[in-house]
Amino acid sequence: MEYETTLPVAIITSALLLVLGWSMLFATRPWLELVEEYSRHPHRLLMPGLGMVVYGLVVIFNHNIWSGGWVVVISVAGWLIFFKGLTFLLSPGMVKIQERFPRNMVKAAMRVGGVVLILLSLMLLLTLTGRT
């Protein structure tokens, strides 16, 4: 590994992506209910937002690497998680946007998102183990 912080950050990030993707794909109903709950009570996004900001900052300060290759994916993920957390903290009402879409469309989008997260996680894990 070219960077000493890359491996632990990459493993944690890929594991989180895998678990989150699996959950979104196979436990869609609770996720939909959570989104609806956040829509009714946006202030409840403050704690998840804080967690995302903290995790994003950990990645940013320990792995802000832009030198090319697959390690950039970790840096991009850290920044995206950080900005999503900031959005939850600074504008929790934005979650109400999902109300504009039919529930079945939100459910399908959540499942597609789960598949994408699983594929990203597997790609990252295969890269980490040298199988790509």
C-alpha atoms as a PDB file:
ATOM      1  CA  MET A   1       0.000   0.000   0.000  1.00  0.00           C
ATOM      2  CA  GLU A   2       1.435   3.375  -0.910  1.00  0.00           C
ATOM      3  CA  TYR A   3      -0.107   5.275   2.014  1.00  0.00           C
ATOM      4  CA  GLU A   4      -0.113   4.049   5.600  1.00  0.00           C
ATOM      5  CA  THR A   5      -3.604   5.398   6.365  1.00  0.00           C
ATOM      6  CA  THR A   6      -5.169   4.087   3.169  1.00  0.00           C
ATOM      7  CA  LEU A   7      -5.714   0.490   4.230  1.00  0.00           C
ATOM      8  CA  PRO A   8      -7.617   1.027   7.511  1.00  0.00           C
ATOM      9  CA  VAL A   9      -9.713   3.880   6.102  1.00  0.00           C
ATOM     10  CA  ALA A  10     -10.471   1.884   2.945  1.00  0.00           C
ATOM     11  CA  ILE A  11     -11.466  -1.222   4.914  1.00  0.00           C
ATOM     12  CA  ILE A  12     -13.775   0.724   7.232  1.00  0.00           C
ATOM     13  CA  THR A  13     -15.297   2.648   4.320  1.00  0.00           C
ATOM     14  CA  SER A  14     -15.875  -0.472   2.215  1.00  0.00           C
ATOM     15  CA  ALA A  15     -17.401  -2.329   5.173  1.00  0.00           C
ATOM     16  CA  LEU A  16     -19.766   0.589   5.853  1.00  0.00           C
ATOM     17  CA  LEU A  17     -20.756   0.735   2.181  1.00  0.00           C
ATOM     18  CA  LEU A  18     -21.391  -3.005   2.102  1.00  0.00           C
ATOM     19  CA  VAL A  19     -23.545  -3.054   5.239  1.00  0.00           C
ATOM     20  CA  LEU A  20     -25.453   0.069   4.221  1.00  0.00           C
ATOM     21  CA  GLY A  21     -26.031  -1.211   0.679  1.00  0.00           C
ATOM     22  CA  TRP A  22     -27.163  -4.633   1.904  1.00  0.00           C
ATOM     23  CA  SER A  23     -29.542  -2.980   4.357  1.00  0.00           C
ATOM     24  CA  MET A  24     -30.994  -0.630   1.718  1.00  0.00           C
ATOM     25  CA  LEU A  25     -31.486  -3.521  -0.688  1.00  0.00           C
ATOM     26  CA  PHE A  26     -33.036  -6.083   1.667  1.00  0.00           C
ATOM     27  CA  ALA A  27     -34.524  -3.963   4.483  1.00  0.00           C
ATOM     28  CA  THR A  28     -36.083  -1.262   2.329  1.00  0.00           C
ATOM     29  CA  ARG A  29     -39.260  -0.785   4.368  1.00  0.00           C
ATOM     30  CA  PRO A  30     -37.504   0.452   7.541  1.00  0.00           C
ATOM     31  CA  TRP A  31     -35.431   2.842   5.431  1.00  0.00           C
ATOM     32  CA  LEU A  32     -38.571   4.204   3.780  1.00  0.00           C
ATOM     33  CA  GLU A  33     -40.180   4.641   7.179  1.00  0.00           C
ATOM     34  CA  LEU A  34     -37.073   6.425   8.413  1.00  0.00           C
ATOM     35  CA  VAL A  35     -37.119   8.812   5.443  1.00  0.00           C
ATOM     36  CA  GLU A  36     -40.819   9.498   6.088  1.00  0.00           C
ATOM     37  CA  GLU A  37     -40.087  10.073   9.779  1.00  0.00           C
ATOM     38  CA  TYR A  38     -37.308  12.517   8.909  1.00  0.00           C
ATOM     39  CA  SER A  39     -39.693  14.248   6.519  1.00  0.00           C
ATOM     40  CA  ARG A  40     -42.200  14.760   9.355  1.00  0.00           C
ATOM     41  CA  HIS A  41     -39.502  15.657  11.910  1.00  0.00           C
ATOM     42  CA  PRO A  42     -36.427  17.041  10.075  1.00  0.00           C
ATOM     43  CA  HIS A  43     -34.714  18.021  13.332  1.00  0.00           C
ATOM     44  CA  ARG A  44     -34.047  14.308  13.895  1.00  0.00           C
ATOM     45  CA  LEU A  45     -31.424  14.505  11.140  1.00  0.00           C
ATOM     46  CA  LEU A  46     -29.123  16.494  13.415  1.00  0.00           C
ATOM     47  CA  MET A  47     -27.520  13.471  15.125  1.00  0.00           C
ATOM     48  CA  PRO A  48     -26.992  11.430  11.939  1.00  0.00           C
ATOM     49  CA  GLY A  49     -25.645  14.607  10.334  1.00  0.00           C
ATOM     50  CA  LEU A  50     -23.191  15.069  13.173  1.00  0.00           C
ATOM     51  CA  GLY A  51     -22.025  11.462  12.801  1.00  0.00           C
ATOM     52  CA  MET A  52     -21.515  11.950   9.065  1.00  0.00           C
ATOM     53  CA  VAL A  53     -19.556  15.155   9.613  1.00  0.00           C
ATOM     54  CA  VAL A  54     -17.311  13.430  12.163  1.00  0.00           C
ATOM     55  CA  TYR A  55     -16.672  10.396   9.916  1.00  0.00           C
ATOM     56  CA  GLY A  56     -16.134  12.634   6.890  1.00  0.00           C
ATOM     57  CA  LEU A  57     -13.626  14.756   8.826  1.00  0.00           C
ATOM     58  CA  VAL A  58     -11.756  11.651  10.002  1.00  0.00           C
ATOM     59  CA  VAL A  59     -11.395  10.543   6.381  1.00  0.00           C
ATOM     60  CA  ILE A  60     -10.540  14.047   5.146  1.00  0.00           C
ATOM     61  CA  PHE A  61      -7.848  14.672   7.774  1.00  0.00           C
ATOM     62  CA  ASN A  62      -6.358  11.183   7.558  1.00  0.00           C
ATOM     63  CA  HIS A  63      -6.762  10.452   3.873  1.00  0.00           C
ATOM     64  CA  ASN A  64      -7.094  13.569   1.733  1.00  0.00           C
ATOM     65  CA  ILE A  65      -5.102  12.039  -1.143  1.00  0.00           C
ATOM     66  CA  TRP A  66      -5.615  13.195  -4.735  1.00  0.00           C
ATOM     67  CA  SER A  67      -2.612  11.647  -6.464  1.00  0.00           C
ATOM     68  CA  GLY A  68      -4.612   9.361  -8.732  1.00  0.00           C
ATOM     69  CA  GLY A  69      -5.590   5.737  -8.735  1.00  0.00           C
ATOM     70  CA  TRP A  70      -8.219   4.021  -6.641  1.00  0.00           C
ATOM     71  CA  VAL A  71      -7.158   5.777  -3.401  1.00  0.00           C
ATOM     72  CA  VAL A  72      -8.913   8.916  -4.665  1.00  0.00           C
ATOM     73  CA  VAL A  73     -12.228   7.056  -4.221  1.00  0.00           C
ATOM     74  CA  ILE A  74     -11.674   7.098  -0.440  1.00  0.00           C
ATOM     75  CA  SER A  75     -10.999  10.838  -0.458  1.00  0.00           C
ATOM     76  CA  VAL A  76     -14.069  11.509  -2.600  1.00  0.00           C
ATOM     77  CA  ALA A  77     -16.216   9.349  -0.292  1.00  0.00           C
ATOM     78  CA  GLY A  78     -14.946  11.255   2.750  1.00  0.00           C
ATOM     79  CA  TRP A  79     -15.792  14.616   1.225  1.00  0.00           C
ATOM     80  CA  LEU A  80     -19.234  13.440   0.050  1.00  0.00           C
ATOM     81  CA  ILE A  81     -20.076  12.050   3.479  1.00  0.00           C
ATOM     82  CA  PHE A  82     -18.864  15.283   5.095  1.00  0.00           C
ATOM     83  CA  PHE A  83     -21.006  17.458   2.799  1.00  0.00           C
ATOM     84  CA  LYS A  84     -24.068  15.236   3.255  1.00  0.00           C
ATOM     85  CA  GLY A  85     -23.664  15.566   7.017  1.00  0.00           C
ATOM     86  CA  LEU A  86     -23.334  19.348   6.680  1.00  0.00           C
ATOM     87  CA  THR A  87     -26.513  19.391   4.608  1.00  0.00           C
ATOM     88  CA  PHE A  88     -28.345  17.485   7.341  1.00  0.00           C
ATOM     89  CA  LEU A  89     -27.043  19.904   9.985  1.00  0.00           C
ATOM     90  CA  LEU A  90     -27.592  23.145   8.063  1.00  0.00           C
ATOM     91  CA  SER A  91     -30.728  22.308   6.093  1.00  0.00           C
ATOM     92  CA  PRO A  92     -32.531  19.282   7.548  1.00  0.00           C
ATOM     93  CA  GLY A  93     -35.764  20.282   5.807  1.00  0.00           C
ATOM     94  CA  MET A  94     -34.284  19.277   2.438  1.00  0.00           C
ATOM     95  CA  VAL A  95     -35.336  15.691   3.165  1.00  0.00           C
ATOM     96  CA  LYS A  96     -38.896  16.794   2.408  1.00  0.00           C
ATOM     97  CA  ILE A  97     -37.975  16.720  -1.297  1.00  0.00           C
ATOM     98  CA  GLN A  98     -38.731  12.974  -1.299  1.00  0.00           C
ATOM     99  CA  GLU A  99     -42.394  13.805  -0.631  1.00  0.00           C
ATOM    100  CA  ARG A 100     -42.689  14.909  -4.262  1.00  0.00           C
ATOM    101  CA  PHE A 101     -42.124  11.372  -5.518  1.00  0.00           C
ATOM    102  CA  PRO A 102     -44.406   8.340  -5.231  1.00  0.00           C
ATOM    103  CA  ARG A 103     -43.411   5.899  -2.487  1.00  0.00           C
ATOM    104  CA  ASN A 104     -42.747   3.093  -4.988  1.00  0.00           C
ATOM    105  CA  MET A 105     -40.304   5.338  -6.868  1.00  0.00           C
ATOM    106  CA  VAL A 106     -38.446   6.181  -3.639  1.00  0.00           C
ATOM    107  CA  LYS A 107     -38.381   2.455  -2.798  1.00  0.00           C
ATOM    108  CA  ALA A 108     -36.935   1.574  -6.219  1.00  0.00           C
ATOM    109  CA  ALA A 109     -34.340   4.336  -5.943  1.00  0.00           C
ATOM    110  CA  MET A 110     -33.348   3.071  -2.502  1.00  0.00           C
ATOM    111  CA  ARG A 111     -32.868  -0.469  -3.831  1.00  0.00           C
ATOM    112  CA  VAL A 112     -30.821   0.786  -6.783  1.00  0.00           C
ATOM    113  CA  GLY A 113     -28.751   2.809  -4.336  1.00  0.00           C
ATOM    114  CA  GLY A 114     -28.219  -0.331  -2.273  1.00  0.00           C
ATOM    115  CA  VAL A 115     -26.960  -2.231  -5.315  1.00  0.00           C
ATOM    116  CA  VAL A 116     -24.613   0.628  -6.227  1.00  0.00           C
ATOM    117  CA  LEU A 117     -23.204   0.739  -2.689  1.00  0.00           C
ATOM    118  CA  ILE A 118     -22.681  -3.032  -2.655  1.00  0.00           C
ATOM    119  CA  LEU A 119     -20.892  -2.920  -6.020  1.00  0.00           C
ATOM    120  CA  LEU A 120     -18.677  -0.031  -4.891  1.00  0.00           C
ATOM    121  CA  SER A 121     -17.844  -1.881  -1.702  1.00  0.00           C
ATOM    122  CA  LEU A 122     -16.998  -5.091  -3.535  1.00  0.00           C
ATOM    123  CA  MET A 123     -14.872  -3.205  -6.057  1.00  0.00           C
ATOM    124  CA  LEU A 124     -12.982  -1.542  -3.221  1.00  0.00           C
ATOM    125  CA  LEU A 125     -12.564  -4.822  -1.313  1.00  0.00           C
ATOM    126  CA  LEU A 126     -11.289  -6.602  -4.438  1.00  0.00           C
ATOM    127  CA  THR A 127      -8.819  -3.793  -5.017  1.00  0.00           C
ATOM    128  CA  LEU A 128      -7.651  -3.959  -1.396  1.00  0.00           C
ATOM    129  CA  THR A 129      -7.036  -7.690  -1.621  1.00  0.00           C
ATOM    130  CA  GLY A 130      -5.216  -7.357  -4.945  1.00  0.00           C
ATOM    131  CA  ARG A 131      -7.778  -9.306  -6.950  1.00  0.00           C
ATOM    132  CA  THR A 132      -8.405  -6.666  -9.613  1.00  0.00           C
END
